[in-house]
Amino acid sequence: MNWDQIAGRWTEMKGKAREMWGDLTDDELDRVAGKRDQMVGLMQTKYGDSKEDAERKIDDWLRRM
């Protein structure tokens, strides 16, 4: 699955993101609204990840979808 598919199905994918990253709130995921750069920024803020680490984690998550 690629990010365009995730973005197109964001309402459905929010739940899967919450399963993966339990500290993320519904409000935060609503603000992301399927935008990858917003998700990277949220993970940097919430988990203290570097941009590269956040992108790697998101890519790993995408591969499992």
N, C-alpha and C. Protein backbone atom coordinates (compact mmCIF):
# COMPACT_ATOMS: atom_id res chain seq x y z
N MET A 1 0.85 -1.17 0.00
CA MET A 1 0.00 0.00 0.00
C MET A 1 0.90 1.24 0.00
N ASN A 2 0.55 2.23 -0.80
CA ASN A 2 1.34 3.45 -0.82
C ASN A 2 0.59 4.57 -0.09
N TRP A 3 1.28 5.70 0.08
CA TRP A 3 0.68 6.76 0.89
C TRP A 3 -0.55 7.35 0.22
N ASP A 4 -0.63 7.38 -1.09
CA ASP A 4 -1.83 7.89 -1.77
C ASP A 4 -3.05 7.05 -1.40
N GLN A 5 -2.86 5.75 -1.29
CA GLN A 5 -3.95 4.86 -0.88
C GLN A 5 -4.32 5.11 0.57
N ILE A 6 -3.32 5.31 1.41
CA ILE A 6 -3.57 5.61 2.83
C ILE A 6 -4.38 6.90 2.94
N ALA A 7 -3.92 7.93 2.23
CA ALA A 7 -4.58 9.24 2.30
C ALA A 7 -6.03 9.14 1.83
N GLY A 8 -6.28 8.37 0.80
CA GLY A 8 -7.62 8.22 0.28
C GLY A 8 -8.55 7.48 1.21
N ARG A 9 -8.00 6.69 2.09
CA ARG A 9 -8.79 5.90 3.05
C ARG A 9 -8.46 6.30 4.48
N TRP A 10 -8.13 7.57 4.70
CA TRP A 10 -7.61 8.01 6.00
C TRP A 10 -8.56 7.70 7.14
N THR A 11 -9.86 7.89 6.95
CA THR A 11 -10.80 7.62 8.03
C THR A 11 -10.66 6.19 8.53
N GLU A 12 -10.54 5.28 7.61
CA GLU A 12 -10.36 3.87 7.94
C GLU A 12 -8.97 3.60 8.53
N MET A 13 -7.96 4.27 7.98
CA MET A 13 -6.58 4.00 8.38
C MET A 13 -6.21 4.62 9.72
N LYS A 14 -6.97 5.61 10.17
CA LYS A 14 -6.69 6.23 11.48
C LYS A 14 -6.68 5.19 12.59
N GLY A 15 -7.61 4.27 12.53
CA GLY A 15 -7.68 3.22 13.55
C GLY A 15 -6.45 2.34 13.53
N LYS A 16 -5.97 2.03 12.35
CA LYS A 16 -4.76 1.22 12.25
C LYS A 16 -3.53 1.99 12.74
N ALA A 17 -3.52 3.29 12.49
CA ALA A 17 -2.43 4.12 13.01
C ALA A 17 -2.47 4.16 14.53
N ARG A 18 -3.67 4.25 15.10
CA ARG A 18 -3.81 4.26 16.56
C ARG A 18 -3.33 2.94 17.16
N GLU A 19 -3.59 1.83 16.46
CA GLU A 19 -3.11 0.53 16.94
C GLU A 19 -1.59 0.50 16.97
N MET A 20 -0.97 1.09 15.96
CA MET A 20 0.49 1.08 15.85
C MET A 20 1.12 2.07 16.82
N TRP A 21 0.57 3.27 16.90
CA TRP A 21 1.12 4.33 17.74
C TRP A 21 0.04 4.77 18.72
N GLY A 22 -0.07 4.05 19.81
CA GLY A 22 -1.15 4.24 20.78
C GLY A 22 -1.18 5.58 21.47
N ASP A 23 -0.08 6.32 21.45
CA ASP A 23 -0.07 7.63 22.11
C ASP A 23 -0.71 8.72 21.26
N LEU A 24 -0.98 8.44 20.00
CA LEU A 24 -1.59 9.44 19.13
C LEU A 24 -3.08 9.51 19.41
N THR A 25 -3.59 10.72 19.49
CA THR A 25 -5.01 10.90 19.78
C THR A 25 -5.80 11.01 18.49
N ASP A 26 -7.11 10.82 18.60
CA ASP A 26 -7.98 10.97 17.44
C ASP A 26 -7.90 12.40 16.88
N ASP A 27 -7.84 13.38 17.77
CA ASP A 27 -7.74 14.78 17.32
C ASP A 27 -6.46 15.01 16.53
N GLU A 28 -5.35 14.44 17.00
CA GLU A 28 -4.08 14.60 16.29
C GLU A 28 -4.15 13.94 14.91
N LEU A 29 -4.73 12.76 14.87
CA LEU A 29 -4.84 12.05 13.59
C LEU A 29 -5.83 12.76 12.66
N ASP A 30 -6.85 13.39 13.22
CA ASP A 30 -7.76 14.18 12.39
C ASP A 30 -7.02 15.35 11.76
N ARG A 31 -6.13 15.98 12.51
CA ARG A 31 -5.35 17.11 11.98
C ARG A 31 -4.39 16.65 10.88
N VAL A 32 -3.87 15.44 11.00
CA VAL A 32 -2.99 14.90 9.96
C VAL A 32 -3.76 14.78 8.64
N ALA A 33 -4.99 14.34 8.73
CA ALA A 33 -5.91 14.26 7.58
C ALA A 33 -5.29 13.55 6.37
N GLY A 34 -4.48 12.54 6.63
CA GLY A 34 -3.92 11.74 5.54
C GLY A 34 -2.70 12.33 4.87
N LYS A 35 -2.16 13.40 5.41
CA LYS A 35 -0.98 14.03 4.82
C LYS A 35 0.28 13.45 5.45
N ARG A 36 1.12 12.87 4.63
CA ARG A 36 2.33 12.20 5.12
C ARG A 36 3.25 13.16 5.87
N ASP A 37 3.48 14.36 5.33
CA ASP A 37 4.38 15.29 6.00
C ASP A 37 3.85 15.70 7.37
N GLN A 38 2.53 15.78 7.51
CA GLN A 38 1.93 16.09 8.80
C GLN A 38 2.12 14.92 9.77
N MET A 39 2.02 13.71 9.26
CA MET A 39 2.22 12.52 10.11
C MET A 39 3.67 12.46 10.58
N VAL A 40 4.61 12.75 9.70
CA VAL A 40 6.02 12.77 10.08
C VAL A 40 6.25 13.81 11.19
N GLY A 41 5.70 15.00 11.01
CA GLY A 41 5.85 16.05 12.01
C GLY A 41 5.22 15.67 13.33
N LEU A 42 4.08 15.04 13.29
CA LEU A 42 3.41 14.60 14.53
C LEU A 42 4.27 13.59 15.27
N MET A 43 4.85 12.66 14.54
CA MET A 43 5.68 11.65 15.19
C MET A 43 6.96 12.27 15.75
N GLN A 44 7.48 13.26 15.07
CA GLN A 44 8.66 13.95 15.60
C GLN A 44 8.31 14.63 16.92
N THR A 45 7.18 15.29 16.96
CA THR A 45 6.75 16.00 18.16
C THR A 45 6.38 15.04 19.28
N LYS A 46 5.57 14.05 18.96
CA LYS A 46 5.01 13.16 19.98
C LYS A 46 6.04 12.18 20.54
N TYR A 47 6.91 11.67 19.68
CA TYR A 47 7.85 10.62 20.09
C TYR A 47 9.30 11.08 20.13
N GLY A 48 9.56 12.30 19.70
CA GLY A 48 10.93 12.79 19.70
C GLY A 48 11.79 12.17 18.62
N ASP A 49 11.15 11.63 17.59
CA ASP A 49 11.88 11.00 16.49
C ASP A 49 12.53 12.06 15.60
N SER A 50 13.64 11.69 15.01
CA SER A 50 14.20 12.54 13.95
C SER A 50 13.29 12.37 12.73
N LYS A 51 13.42 13.25 11.77
CA LYS A 51 12.61 13.16 10.56
C LYS A 51 12.85 11.82 9.87
N GLU A 52 14.11 11.42 9.80
CA GLU A 52 14.46 10.16 9.15
C GLU A 52 13.85 8.96 9.88
N ASP A 53 13.91 8.97 11.21
CA ASP A 53 13.32 7.87 11.99
C ASP A 53 11.81 7.81 11.81
N ALA A 54 11.16 8.97 11.84
CA ALA A 54 9.71 9.01 11.65
C ALA A 54 9.33 8.49 10.28
N GLU A 55 10.06 8.89 9.26
CA GLU A 55 9.78 8.42 7.90
C GLU A 55 10.00 6.92 7.79
N ARG A 56 11.06 6.42 8.43
CA ARG A 56 11.33 4.97 8.40
C ARG A 56 10.21 4.20 9.08
N LYS A 57 9.74 4.68 10.23
CA LYS A 57 8.65 4.01 10.94
C LYS A 57 7.37 4.00 10.11
N ILE A 58 7.09 5.10 9.45
CA ILE A 58 5.90 5.18 8.60
C ILE A 58 6.05 4.23 7.43
N ASP A 59 7.22 4.19 6.81
CA ASP A 59 7.45 3.27 5.70
C ASP A 59 7.29 1.81 6.13
N ASP A 60 7.80 1.48 7.33
CA ASP A 60 7.65 0.12 7.85
C ASP A 60 6.16 -0.21 8.05
N TRP A 61 5.42 0.73 8.56
CA TRP A 61 3.98 0.57 8.78
C TRP A 61 3.27 0.34 7.44
N LEU A 62 3.64 1.12 6.43
CA LEU A 62 3.04 0.98 5.11
C LEU A 62 3.27 -0.41 4.53
N ARG A 63 4.47 -0.93 4.71
CA ARG A 63 4.79 -2.27 4.18
C ARG A 63 3.94 -3.35 4.83
N ARG A 64 3.52 -3.13 6.06
CA ARG A 64 2.71 -4.12 6.76
C ARG A 64 1.23 -4.03 6.39
N MET A 65 0.84 -2.97 5.74
CA MET A 65 -0.57 -2.78 5.38
C MET A 65 -0.94 -3.64 4.21
